[in-house]
């Protein structure tokens, strides 16, 4: 059971994270709108170039967000599984084993997620660089 103090602390953390997420979303909307406006002021060719790069960036952003959600799910599972206390174990044994085990597992999840994200993003970047003519033709061809 959760007591009143821990519930209040948990809600403050949740609200702080919510404010950060709303701020991040507002920043993305503002920067996208501002950049689109500036590209439109420069003329049709810069506006078209901005549109192409924005689409590619948007899709990569969606991929990264989905990976972030997956990692957050894995981390929460790892943290929840590390808090289970086996029966007939001394308190000192639980604290020592639990801290070492959960820290190592959580660190492994975080490291592997960072490496996976870096690998996927690098592969996409290299593929887009090598196939830039094909990508450009595919995105600008009206047929």
Protein backbone atom coordinates (compact mmCIF):
# COMPACT_ATOMS: atom_id res chain seq x y z
CA UNK A 1 0.00 0.00 0.00
CA UNK A 2 1.07 3.53 -0.72
CA UNK A 3 0.92 6.02 2.14
CA UNK A 4 -0.09 9.66 1.72
CA UNK A 5 3.48 11.02 1.76
CA UNK A 6 4.81 8.67 -0.92
CA UNK A 7 1.70 9.24 -3.05
CA UNK A 8 2.20 13.00 -2.85
CA UNK A 9 5.88 12.64 -3.75
CA UNK A 10 5.00 10.36 -6.66
CA UNK A 11 2.40 12.82 -7.98
CA UNK A 12 4.89 15.71 -7.80
CA UNK A 13 7.37 13.70 -9.87
CA UNK A 14 4.64 12.80 -12.34
CA UNK A 15 3.53 16.42 -12.69
CA UNK A 16 7.13 17.59 -13.13
CA UNK A 17 7.67 15.05 -15.89
CA UNK A 18 4.37 16.12 -17.49
CA UNK A 19 5.43 19.78 -17.49
CA UNK A 20 8.72 18.81 -19.15
CA UNK A 21 6.91 16.79 -21.83
CA UNK A 22 4.46 19.61 -22.56
CA UNK A 23 7.38 22.03 -22.78
CA UNK A 24 9.23 19.71 -25.14
CA UNK A 25 6.16 19.37 -27.37
CA UNK A 26 5.58 23.13 -27.40
CA UNK A 27 9.25 23.66 -28.32
CA UNK A 28 8.99 21.20 -31.21
CA UNK A 29 5.83 22.84 -32.52
CA UNK A 30 7.34 26.32 -32.24
CA UNK A 31 10.63 25.38 -33.92
CA UNK A 32 8.89 23.50 -36.73
CA UNK A 33 6.53 26.40 -37.37
CA UNK A 34 9.31 28.98 -37.24
CA UNK A 35 11.59 27.02 -39.59
CA UNK A 36 8.74 26.41 -42.07
CA UNK A 37 7.92 30.12 -42.04
CA UNK A 38 11.56 31.08 -42.63
CA UNK A 39 11.85 28.56 -45.49
CA UNK A 40 8.65 29.91 -47.06
CA UNK A 41 10.01 33.46 -46.88
CA UNK A 42 13.14 32.36 -48.79
CA UNK A 43 11.11 31.02 -51.71
CA UNK A 44 9.72 27.81 -53.20
CA UNK A 45 13.01 25.89 -53.57
CA UNK A 46 14.13 26.36 -49.93
CA UNK A 47 10.57 25.60 -48.82
CA UNK A 48 10.59 22.34 -50.81
CA UNK A 49 14.02 21.42 -49.43
CA UNK A 50 12.79 22.13 -45.91
CA UNK A 51 9.71 19.99 -46.51
CA UNK A 52 11.82 17.03 -47.64
CA UNK A 53 14.25 17.24 -44.76
CA UNK A 54 11.41 17.77 -42.29
CA UNK A 55 9.66 14.61 -43.47
CA UNK A 56 12.82 12.53 -43.08
CA UNK A 57 13.53 14.05 -39.66
CA UNK A 58 9.93 13.50 -38.59
CA UNK A 59 10.04 9.79 -39.46
CA UNK A 60 13.35 9.30 -37.69
CA UNK A 61 11.92 11.14 -34.67
CA UNK A 62 8.92 8.79 -34.59
CA UNK A 63 11.28 5.81 -34.69
CA UNK A 64 13.35 7.21 -31.83
CA UNK A 65 10.23 7.94 -29.75
CA UNK A 66 8.98 4.39 -30.17
CA UNK A 67 12.38 3.06 -29.12
CA UNK A 68 12.33 5.36 -26.09
CA UNK A 69 8.92 4.04 -25.02
CA UNK A 70 10.13 0.46 -25.42
CA UNK A 71 13.22 1.14 -23.29
CA UNK A 72 11.13 2.84 -20.61
CA UNK A 73 8.92 -0.25 -20.51
CA UNK A 74 11.95 -2.53 -20.18
CA UNK A 75 13.44 -0.38 -17.43
CA UNK A 76 10.20 -0.31 -15.46
CA UNK A 77 9.92 -4.10 -15.74
CA UNK A 78 13.52 -4.49 -14.60
CA UNK A 79 13.03 -2.17 -11.65
CA UNK A 80 9.78 -3.90 -10.67
CA UNK A 81 11.31 -7.38 -10.90
CA UNK A 82 14.31 -6.35 -8.80
CA UNK A 83 12.09 -5.30 -5.89
CA UNK A 84 10.63 -8.79 -5.30
CA UNK A 85 11.85 -10.28 -2.02
CA UNK A 86 12.37 -14.04 -1.89
CA UNK A 87 11.17 -15.92 1.18
CA UNK A 88 13.57 -17.07 3.93
CA UNK A 89 16.32 -14.59 3.12
CA UNK A 90 18.00 -12.25 5.57
CA UNK A 91 17.45 -8.51 5.17
CA UNK A 92 21.18 -7.80 4.75
CA UNK A 93 21.46 -10.48 2.05
CA UNK A 94 18.47 -8.99 0.19
CA UNK A 95 19.86 -5.46 0.31
CA UNK A 96 23.33 -6.48 -0.88
CA UNK A 97 22.20 -8.86 -3.65
CA UNK A 98 19.27 -6.71 -4.74
CA UNK A 99 21.30 -3.53 -5.12
CA UNK A 100 24.06 -5.24 -7.10
CA UNK A 101 21.69 -7.27 -9.27
CA UNK A 102 19.19 -4.51 -10.11
CA UNK A 103 21.84 -1.85 -10.75
CA UNK A 104 23.73 -4.13 -13.10
CA UNK A 105 20.57 -5.20 -14.98
CA UNK A 106 19.25 -1.66 -15.27
CA UNK A 107 22.63 -0.44 -16.50
CA UNK A 108 22.73 -3.25 -19.08
CA UNK A 109 19.26 -2.33 -20.37
CA UNK A 110 20.25 1.34 -20.64
CA UNK A 111 23.59 0.56 -22.37
CA UNK A 112 22.07 -1.85 -24.86
CA UNK A 113 19.25 0.57 -25.69
CA UNK A 114 21.71 3.40 -26.33
CA UNK A 115 23.85 1.16 -28.53
CA UNK A 116 20.81 -0.10 -30.45
CA UNK A 117 19.51 3.43 -30.99
CA UNK A 118 22.91 4.64 -32.16
CA UNK A 119 23.26 1.68 -34.54
CA UNK A 120 19.81 2.11 -36.08
CA UNK A 121 20.19 5.87 -36.44
CA UNK A 122 23.65 5.43 -38.01
CA UNK A 123 22.31 2.86 -40.47
CA UNK A 124 19.46 5.15 -41.49
CA UNK A 125 21.83 8.10 -41.88
CA UNK A 126 24.29 6.11 -44.01
CA UNK A 127 21.48 4.66 -46.13
CA UNK A 128 20.03 8.12 -46.72
CA UNK A 129 23.44 9.55 -47.57
CA UNK A 130 24.31 6.76 -50.02
CA UNK A 131 20.85 6.73 -51.58
CA UNK A 132 20.21 10.48 -51.53
CA UNK A 133 19.52 10.65 -55.26
CA UNK A 134 17.02 7.80 -55.07
CA UNK A 135 15.35 9.31 -51.98
CA UNK A 136 15.16 12.73 -53.59
CA UNK A 137 13.72 11.29 -56.81
CA UNK A 138 11.21 9.20 -54.90
CA UNK A 139 10.03 12.10 -52.78
CA UNK A 140 9.80 14.63 -55.62
CA UNK A 141 8.48 12.45 -58.45
CA UNK A 142 4.79 12.99 -59.08
CA UNK A 143 4.20 9.64 -60.82
